[in-house]
Amino acid sequence: MKQSYVYILKCADNSYYTGVTSNLEQRFEQHQSGFYKNCYTYLRRPLSLVFYASFTDINMAIDTEKQIKKWSRAKKEALINDAYEALPNLAKKKFRINE
């Protein structure tokens, strides 16, 4: 079975980029070298790979990438730092109570 990867890159401006690929090494090198000039990461280099997960089902990888892209910075950082127990609490919305 072919492996697919969901990955998170930390950019020079401290933002995060989440992507999916079937060749993690090659894709990271493309980001790092500026292979795609219109890519989000092009003007935010150098980059560092801070997280990746492997999948045997490309559809599951794509769904996971889409899910992570919607997450807050705090939730992405919990994932990056292996703080899985914090993920449920970071998923809860904070509502302001008008007094």
N, C-alpha and C. Protein backbone atom coordinates (compact mmCIF):
# COMPACT_ATOMS: atom_id res chain seq x y z
N MET A 1 0.84 -1.20 0.00
CA MET A 1 0.00 0.00 0.00
C MET A 1 0.88 1.25 0.00
N LYS A 2 0.43 2.22 -0.73
CA LYS A 2 1.18 3.46 -0.82
C LYS A 2 0.89 4.34 0.40
N GLN A 3 1.94 4.89 0.97
CA GLN A 3 1.82 5.77 2.13
C GLN A 3 1.49 7.19 1.68
N SER A 4 0.68 7.86 2.46
CA SER A 4 0.41 9.28 2.30
C SER A 4 0.71 9.95 3.63
N TYR A 5 1.02 11.23 3.57
CA TYR A 5 1.42 11.94 4.77
C TYR A 5 0.67 13.26 4.88
N VAL A 6 0.26 13.58 6.09
CA VAL A 6 -0.21 14.92 6.44
C VAL A 6 0.94 15.54 7.21
N TYR A 7 1.28 16.77 6.87
CA TYR A 7 2.43 17.40 7.51
C TYR A 7 2.12 18.85 7.88
N ILE A 8 2.85 19.34 8.86
CA ILE A 8 2.77 20.74 9.26
C ILE A 8 4.18 21.31 9.20
N LEU A 9 4.30 22.44 8.52
CA LEU A 9 5.56 23.16 8.44
C LEU A 9 5.45 24.43 9.28
N LYS A 10 6.51 24.76 9.98
CA LYS A 10 6.58 26.05 10.66
C LYS A 10 7.39 26.97 9.76
N CYS A 11 6.81 28.12 9.46
CA CYS A 11 7.42 29.07 8.54
C CYS A 11 8.27 30.09 9.31
N ALA A 12 9.12 30.80 8.58
CA ALA A 12 10.00 31.79 9.19
C ALA A 12 9.22 32.90 9.90
N ASP A 13 7.99 33.17 9.46
CA ASP A 13 7.16 34.19 10.11
C ASP A 13 6.35 33.62 11.27
N ASN A 14 6.66 32.39 11.69
CA ASN A 14 5.99 31.68 12.78
C ASN A 14 4.58 31.21 12.46
N SER A 15 4.16 31.29 11.22
CA SER A 15 2.86 30.73 10.83
C SER A 15 3.06 29.24 10.54
N TYR A 16 1.95 28.53 10.40
CA TYR A 16 1.99 27.10 10.09
C TYR A 16 1.34 26.85 8.75
N TYR A 17 1.88 25.88 8.04
CA TYR A 17 1.32 25.42 6.78
C TYR A 17 1.04 23.94 6.91
N THR A 18 -0.16 23.51 6.55
CA THR A 18 -0.54 22.10 6.61
C THR A 18 -0.76 21.60 5.20
N GLY A 19 -0.21 20.43 4.89
CA GLY A 19 -0.36 19.86 3.56
C GLY A 19 -0.45 18.35 3.61
N VAL A 20 -0.66 17.77 2.43
CA VAL A 20 -0.73 16.32 2.27
C VAL A 20 0.11 15.94 1.05
N THR A 21 0.78 14.81 1.13
CA THR A 21 1.64 14.36 0.03
C THR A 21 1.84 12.86 0.11
N SER A 22 2.32 12.28 -0.98
CA SER A 22 2.69 10.86 -0.97
C SER A 22 4.20 10.70 -0.88
N ASN A 23 4.94 11.81 -0.97
CA ASN A 23 6.40 11.76 -0.85
C ASN A 23 6.85 12.92 0.03
N LEU A 24 6.96 12.67 1.31
CA LEU A 24 7.23 13.72 2.29
C LEU A 24 8.58 14.41 2.06
N GLU A 25 9.62 13.62 1.84
CA GLU A 25 10.95 14.22 1.62
C GLU A 25 10.97 15.14 0.41
N GLN A 26 10.43 14.66 -0.69
CA GLN A 26 10.42 15.46 -1.92
C GLN A 26 9.58 16.72 -1.75
N ARG A 27 8.43 16.57 -1.12
CA ARG A 27 7.54 17.74 -0.96
C ARG A 27 8.16 18.78 -0.05
N PHE A 28 8.80 18.35 1.03
CA PHE A 28 9.47 19.30 1.91
C PHE A 28 10.57 20.05 1.15
N GLU A 29 11.33 19.32 0.36
CA GLU A 29 12.40 19.96 -0.43
C GLU A 29 11.82 20.97 -1.42
N GLN A 30 10.67 20.64 -2.00
CA GLN A 30 10.01 21.59 -2.91
C GLN A 30 9.62 22.87 -2.17
N HIS A 31 9.06 22.71 -0.99
CA HIS A 31 8.71 23.89 -0.18
C HIS A 31 9.97 24.69 0.16
N GLN A 32 10.98 24.01 0.64
CA GLN A 32 12.21 24.67 1.11
C GLN A 32 12.95 25.39 -0.02
N SER A 33 12.92 24.83 -1.22
CA SER A 33 13.65 25.42 -2.35
C SER A 33 12.82 26.48 -3.09
N GLY A 34 11.53 26.59 -2.76
CA GLY A 34 10.69 27.56 -3.46
C GLY A 34 10.28 27.09 -4.84
N PHE A 35 10.14 25.78 -5.01
CA PHE A 35 9.80 25.17 -6.29
C PHE A 35 8.51 25.76 -6.87
N TYR A 36 7.50 25.96 -6.04
CA TYR A 36 6.23 26.56 -6.47
C TYR A 36 6.20 28.01 -5.98
N LYS A 37 6.34 28.93 -6.88
CA LYS A 37 6.45 30.35 -6.52
C LYS A 37 5.14 30.93 -5.96
N ASN A 38 4.01 30.32 -6.27
CA ASN A 38 2.72 30.82 -5.77
C ASN A 38 2.28 30.14 -4.49
N CYS A 39 3.10 29.26 -3.95
CA CYS A 39 2.76 28.54 -2.73
C CYS A 39 2.85 29.46 -1.50
N TYR A 40 2.01 29.22 -0.52
CA TYR A 40 1.99 30.00 0.73
C TYR A 40 3.38 30.09 1.35
N THR A 41 4.14 29.04 1.27
CA THR A 41 5.43 28.98 1.96
C THR A 41 6.56 29.71 1.21
N TYR A 42 6.35 30.05 -0.04
CA TYR A 42 7.44 30.59 -0.86
C TYR A 42 8.14 31.79 -0.22
N LEU A 43 7.38 32.76 0.25
CA LEU A 43 7.95 33.97 0.86
C LEU A 43 8.16 33.83 2.37
N ARG A 44 7.92 32.63 2.90
CA ARG A 44 8.01 32.41 4.34
C ARG A 44 9.11 31.42 4.70
N ARG A 45 10.08 31.25 3.82
CA ARG A 45 11.20 30.35 4.05
C ARG A 45 12.26 31.03 4.89
N PRO A 46 13.09 30.32 5.64
CA PRO A 46 13.20 28.86 5.69
C PRO A 46 12.07 28.24 6.51
N LEU A 47 11.88 26.97 6.30
CA LEU A 47 10.79 26.20 6.91
C LEU A 47 11.36 25.07 7.75
N SER A 48 10.56 24.61 8.69
CA SER A 48 10.94 23.40 9.42
C SER A 48 9.73 22.48 9.50
N LEU A 49 9.98 21.20 9.33
CA LEU A 49 8.93 20.20 9.44
C LEU A 49 8.72 19.93 10.93
N VAL A 50 7.54 20.26 11.44
CA VAL A 50 7.31 20.12 12.88
C VAL A 50 6.35 18.99 13.24
N PHE A 51 5.66 18.44 12.23
CA PHE A 51 4.73 17.34 12.49
C PHE A 51 4.45 16.60 11.19
N TYR A 52 4.30 15.29 11.30
CA TYR A 52 3.74 14.52 10.19
C TYR A 52 3.10 13.26 10.73
N ALA A 53 2.13 12.77 9.99
CA ALA A 53 1.46 11.51 10.31
C ALA A 53 1.31 10.75 9.00
N SER A 54 1.47 9.45 9.04
CA SER A 54 1.35 8.64 7.83
C SER A 54 0.02 7.90 7.79
N PHE A 55 -0.46 7.70 6.58
CA PHE A 55 -1.75 7.05 6.34
C PHE A 55 -1.59 6.06 5.18
N THR A 56 -2.34 4.98 5.22
CA THR A 56 -2.37 4.05 4.10
C THR A 56 -3.54 4.35 3.18
N ASP A 57 -4.46 5.20 3.60
CA ASP A 57 -5.62 5.59 2.81
C ASP A 57 -5.52 7.08 2.49
N ILE A 58 -5.32 7.43 1.22
CA ILE A 58 -5.15 8.82 0.82
C ILE A 58 -6.38 9.67 1.19
N ASN A 59 -7.56 9.08 1.11
CA ASN A 59 -8.77 9.85 1.46
C ASN A 59 -8.79 10.23 2.93
N MET A 60 -8.31 9.35 3.77
CA MET A 60 -8.22 9.65 5.20
C MET A 60 -7.19 10.76 5.44
N ALA A 61 -6.09 10.72 4.71
CA ALA A 61 -5.07 11.75 4.82
C ALA A 61 -5.63 13.11 4.40
N ILE A 62 -6.35 13.14 3.31
CA ILE A 62 -6.95 14.39 2.82
C ILE A 62 -7.95 14.93 3.82
N ASP A 63 -8.80 14.06 4.36
CA ASP A 63 -9.78 14.49 5.37
C ASP A 63 -9.09 15.05 6.61
N THR A 64 -8.00 14.40 7.03
CA THR A 64 -7.26 14.86 8.20
C THR A 64 -6.62 16.21 7.94
N GLU A 65 -6.05 16.39 6.75
CA GLU A 65 -5.46 17.68 6.39
C GLU A 65 -6.51 18.79 6.46
N LYS A 66 -7.67 18.54 5.89
CA LYS A 66 -8.75 19.55 5.90
C LYS A 66 -9.16 19.88 7.33
N GLN A 67 -9.23 18.88 8.18
CA GLN A 67 -9.60 19.08 9.58
C GLN A 67 -8.57 19.93 10.30
N ILE A 68 -7.30 19.60 10.15
CA ILE A 68 -6.23 20.33 10.83
C ILE A 68 -6.18 21.78 10.36
N LYS A 69 -6.41 22.01 9.07
CA LYS A 69 -6.37 23.38 8.53
C LYS A 69 -7.39 24.29 9.21
N LYS A 70 -8.46 23.71 9.72
CA LYS A 70 -9.51 24.50 10.39
C LYS A 70 -9.19 24.76 11.87
N TRP A 71 -8.19 24.09 12.39
CA TRP A 71 -7.87 24.21 13.81
C TRP A 71 -7.22 25.54 14.14
N SER A 72 -7.35 25.91 15.39
CA SER A 72 -6.68 27.11 15.90
C SER A 72 -5.18 26.84 16.01
N ARG A 73 -4.44 27.91 16.14
CA ARG A 73 -2.98 27.79 16.33
C ARG A 73 -2.68 26.97 17.59
N ALA A 74 -3.42 27.22 18.67
CA ALA A 74 -3.19 26.51 19.93
C ALA A 74 -3.41 25.01 19.77
N LYS A 75 -4.42 24.64 19.03
CA LYS A 75 -4.71 23.22 18.84
C LYS A 75 -3.64 22.57 17.96
N LYS A 76 -3.18 23.28 16.92
CA LYS A 76 -2.10 22.75 16.09
C LYS A 76 -0.83 22.57 16.92
N GLU A 77 -0.54 23.51 17.80
CA GLU A 77 0.66 23.40 18.63
C GLU A 77 0.56 22.26 19.63
N ALA A 78 -0.64 21.98 20.13
CA ALA A 78 -0.82 20.83 21.01
C ALA A 78 -0.52 19.54 20.24
N LEU A 79 -0.98 19.45 19.01
CA LEU A 79 -0.70 18.29 18.18
C LEU A 79 0.80 18.17 17.92
N ILE A 80 1.43 19.26 17.56
CA ILE A 80 2.88 19.28 17.28
C ILE A 80 3.67 18.85 18.51
N ASN A 81 3.22 19.25 19.70
CA ASN A 81 3.93 18.96 20.96
C ASN A 81 3.49 17.67 21.62
N ASP A 82 2.75 16.82 20.92
CA ASP A 82 2.26 15.54 21.45
C ASP A 82 1.39 15.71 22.70
N ALA A 83 0.73 16.85 22.82
CA ALA A 83 -0.14 17.10 23.97
C ALA A 83 -1.57 16.71 23.60
N TYR A 84 -1.75 15.44 23.27
CA TYR A 84 -3.04 14.96 22.76
C TYR A 84 -4.17 15.15 23.76
N GLU A 85 -3.84 15.08 25.05
CA GLU A 85 -4.89 15.24 26.07
C GLU A 85 -5.49 16.65 26.05
N ALA A 86 -4.77 17.62 25.50
CA ALA A 86 -5.26 19.01 25.45
C ALA A 86 -6.19 19.25 24.26
N LEU A 87 -6.17 18.36 23.28
CA LEU A 87 -6.95 18.59 22.06
C LEU A 87 -8.45 18.75 22.29
N PRO A 88 -9.09 17.92 23.10
CA PRO A 88 -10.54 18.10 23.30
C PRO A 88 -10.91 19.47 23.88
N ASN A 89 -10.15 19.94 24.86
CA ASN A 89 -10.45 21.24 25.45
C ASN A 89 -10.21 22.37 24.48
N LEU A 90 -9.21 22.24 23.64
CA LEU A 90 -8.92 23.29 22.67
C LEU A 90 -9.95 23.32 21.54
N ALA A 91 -10.73 22.27 21.43
CA ALA A 91 -11.77 22.22 20.41
C ALA A 91 -13.03 22.98 20.84
N LYS A 92 -13.15 23.22 22.15
CA LYS A 92 -14.34 23.90 22.65
C LYS A 92 -14.27 25.39 22.38
N LYS A 93 -15.36 25.92 21.91
CA LYS A 93 -15.41 27.35 21.63
C LYS A 93 -15.58 28.11 22.94
N LYS A 94 -15.00 29.28 22.97
CA LYS A 94 -15.14 30.15 24.14
C LYS A 94 -16.18 31.22 23.81
N PHE A 95 -17.20 31.28 24.62
CA PHE A 95 -18.25 32.25 24.38
C PHE A 95 -18.15 33.36 25.42
N ARG A 96 -18.37 34.56 24.97
CA ARG A 96 -18.38 35.71 25.88
C ARG A 96 -19.81 35.90 26.38
N ILE A 97 -19.91 36.13 27.66
CA ILE A 97 -21.22 36.38 28.26
C ILE A 97 -21.39 37.89 28.39
N ASN A 98 -22.43 38.39 27.76
CA ASN A 98 -22.69 39.83 27.86
C ASN A 98 -23.36 40.13 29.20
N GLU A 99 -22.79 41.05 29.91
CA GLU A 99 -23.35 41.39 31.23
C GLU A 99 -24.05 42.71 31.16
